[in-house]
Amino acid sequence: RWGYHRVREQYYVRRGKVKLTIFGEEHIAGKACLVNVPKLAPYTLTVLEDAEIYDMGGQTKWHAFLRDLASIRAYDPARRADRAAMGELKAKYGIELEGAGK
């Protein structure tokens, strides 16, 4: 798959391994990686191993979710270990992937 989009593209790699070439630079993404492709960036996506990939369609909620998750991991590890709290965080941003927030 190749692209050149007017909005930022995002892909979530749930399992497997893919290679993205963005602006001619190669990046390998594996299990539980979220890949951001800048808007207007020429890119290709190549599957390297049997993979399950979600096209997040450039949804900005993922960035806010990941920012909050990183903050919780750094400053509130007890909350991070609380399944109910993580469920609330995912619900806040409409995240439905079961592995998100682990």
Protein backbone atom coordinates (compact mmCIF):
# COMPACT_ATOMS: atom_id res chain seq x y z
CA ARG A 1 0.00 0.00 0.00
CA TRP A 2 1.26 3.49 -0.71
CA GLY A 3 -0.13 6.86 0.11
CA TYR A 4 0.10 10.61 -0.03
CA HIS A 5 -2.63 12.03 2.18
CA ARG A 6 -3.88 15.45 3.18
CA VAL A 7 -4.23 14.36 6.82
CA ARG A 8 -1.92 12.50 9.18
CA GLU A 9 -2.26 8.72 8.80
CA GLN A 10 -2.08 6.35 11.75
CA TYR A 11 -1.72 2.59 11.84
CA TYR A 12 -1.89 0.32 14.87
CA VAL A 13 0.01 -2.96 14.49
CA ARG A 14 -1.73 -5.46 16.72
CA ARG A 15 0.51 -8.39 15.74
CA GLY A 16 3.16 -9.22 13.18
CA LYS A 17 5.67 -6.89 11.60
CA VAL A 18 5.48 -4.26 8.86
CA LYS A 19 7.91 -1.90 7.18
CA LEU A 20 6.97 1.67 6.44
CA THR A 21 9.07 3.84 4.21
CA ILE A 22 8.27 7.48 4.95
CA PHE A 23 10.10 10.23 3.04
CA GLY A 24 12.49 7.48 1.90
CA GLU A 25 13.40 6.44 5.48
CA GLU A 26 12.58 2.86 6.54
CA HIS A 27 10.86 2.09 9.84
CA ILE A 28 9.97 -1.34 11.23
CA ALA A 29 6.85 -1.62 13.40
CA GLY A 30 5.90 -4.68 15.41
CA LYS A 31 3.27 -5.81 17.87
CA ALA A 32 1.47 -3.00 19.73
CA CYS A 33 3.13 -0.20 17.72
CA LEU A 34 1.26 2.91 16.72
CA VAL A 35 2.71 4.42 13.57
CA ASN A 36 2.18 8.07 12.60
CA VAL A 37 2.66 9.21 9.02
CA PRO A 38 2.77 13.00 8.65
CA LYS A 39 0.24 14.59 6.33
CA LEU A 40 1.43 14.99 2.74
CA ALA A 41 4.24 12.46 3.37
CA PRO A 42 4.86 9.98 0.57
CA TYR A 43 5.02 6.51 2.10
CA THR A 44 4.76 2.79 1.48
CA LEU A 45 3.66 0.04 3.84
CA THR A 46 4.99 -3.50 3.35
CA VAL A 47 3.95 -6.52 5.43
CA LEU A 48 7.05 -8.43 6.60
CA GLU A 49 5.29 -11.08 8.72
CA ASP A 50 1.69 -12.22 8.99
CA ALA A 51 0.18 -9.11 10.58
CA GLU A 52 -3.01 -7.59 11.90
CA ILE A 53 -3.05 -3.84 11.26
CA TYR A 54 -5.72 -1.23 11.94
CA ASP A 55 -5.91 1.91 9.83
CA MET A 56 -6.82 4.51 12.43
CA GLY A 57 -7.70 7.04 9.75
CA GLY A 58 -5.66 9.85 11.30
CA GLN A 59 -7.84 9.97 14.41
CA THR A 60 -6.32 12.45 16.83
CA LYS A 61 -7.90 10.77 19.87
CA TRP A 62 -5.10 8.20 19.80
CA HIS A 63 -2.51 10.91 20.41
CA ALA A 64 -4.40 12.23 23.41
CA PHE A 65 -4.92 8.69 24.75
CA LEU A 66 -1.22 7.85 24.39
CA ARG A 67 -0.18 11.15 25.98
CA ASP A 68 -2.41 10.46 29.00
CA LEU A 69 -1.24 6.85 29.20
CA ALA A 70 2.42 7.91 29.17
CA SER A 71 1.72 10.41 31.95
CA ILE A 72 -0.03 7.75 34.05
CA ARG A 73 2.84 5.30 33.50
CA ALA A 74 5.36 7.91 34.63
CA TYR A 75 3.52 9.57 37.51
CA ASP A 76 0.77 7.24 38.75
CA PRO A 77 1.78 3.56 38.39
CA ALA A 78 -0.91 2.45 40.85
CA ARG A 79 -3.59 3.85 38.53
CA ARG A 80 -1.85 2.14 35.62
CA ALA A 81 -2.28 -1.23 37.38
CA ASP A 82 -6.00 -0.60 38.00
CA ARG A 83 -7.99 -2.34 35.24
CA ALA A 84 -11.10 -0.26 35.93
CA ALA A 85 -9.12 2.99 35.67
CA MET A 86 -7.60 1.86 32.37
CA GLY A 87 -11.06 0.91 31.13
CA GLU A 88 -12.31 4.40 31.99
CA LEU A 89 -9.35 5.96 30.18
CA LYS A 90 -10.03 3.90 27.05
CA ALA A 91 -13.74 4.74 27.21
CA LYS A 92 -12.89 8.46 27.49
CA TYR A 93 -11.16 8.31 24.10
CA GLY A 94 -13.32 5.66 22.47
CA ILE A 95 -10.49 3.11 22.35
CA GLU A 96 -11.84 -0.40 21.85
CA LEU A 97 -8.73 -2.48 21.16
CA GLU A 98 -8.23 -4.95 23.98
CA GLY A 99 -4.43 -4.60 24.02
CA ALA A 100 -4.43 -0.79 24.21
CA GLY A 101 -3.22 0.50 27.54
CA LYS A 102 -1.42 -2.70 28.57
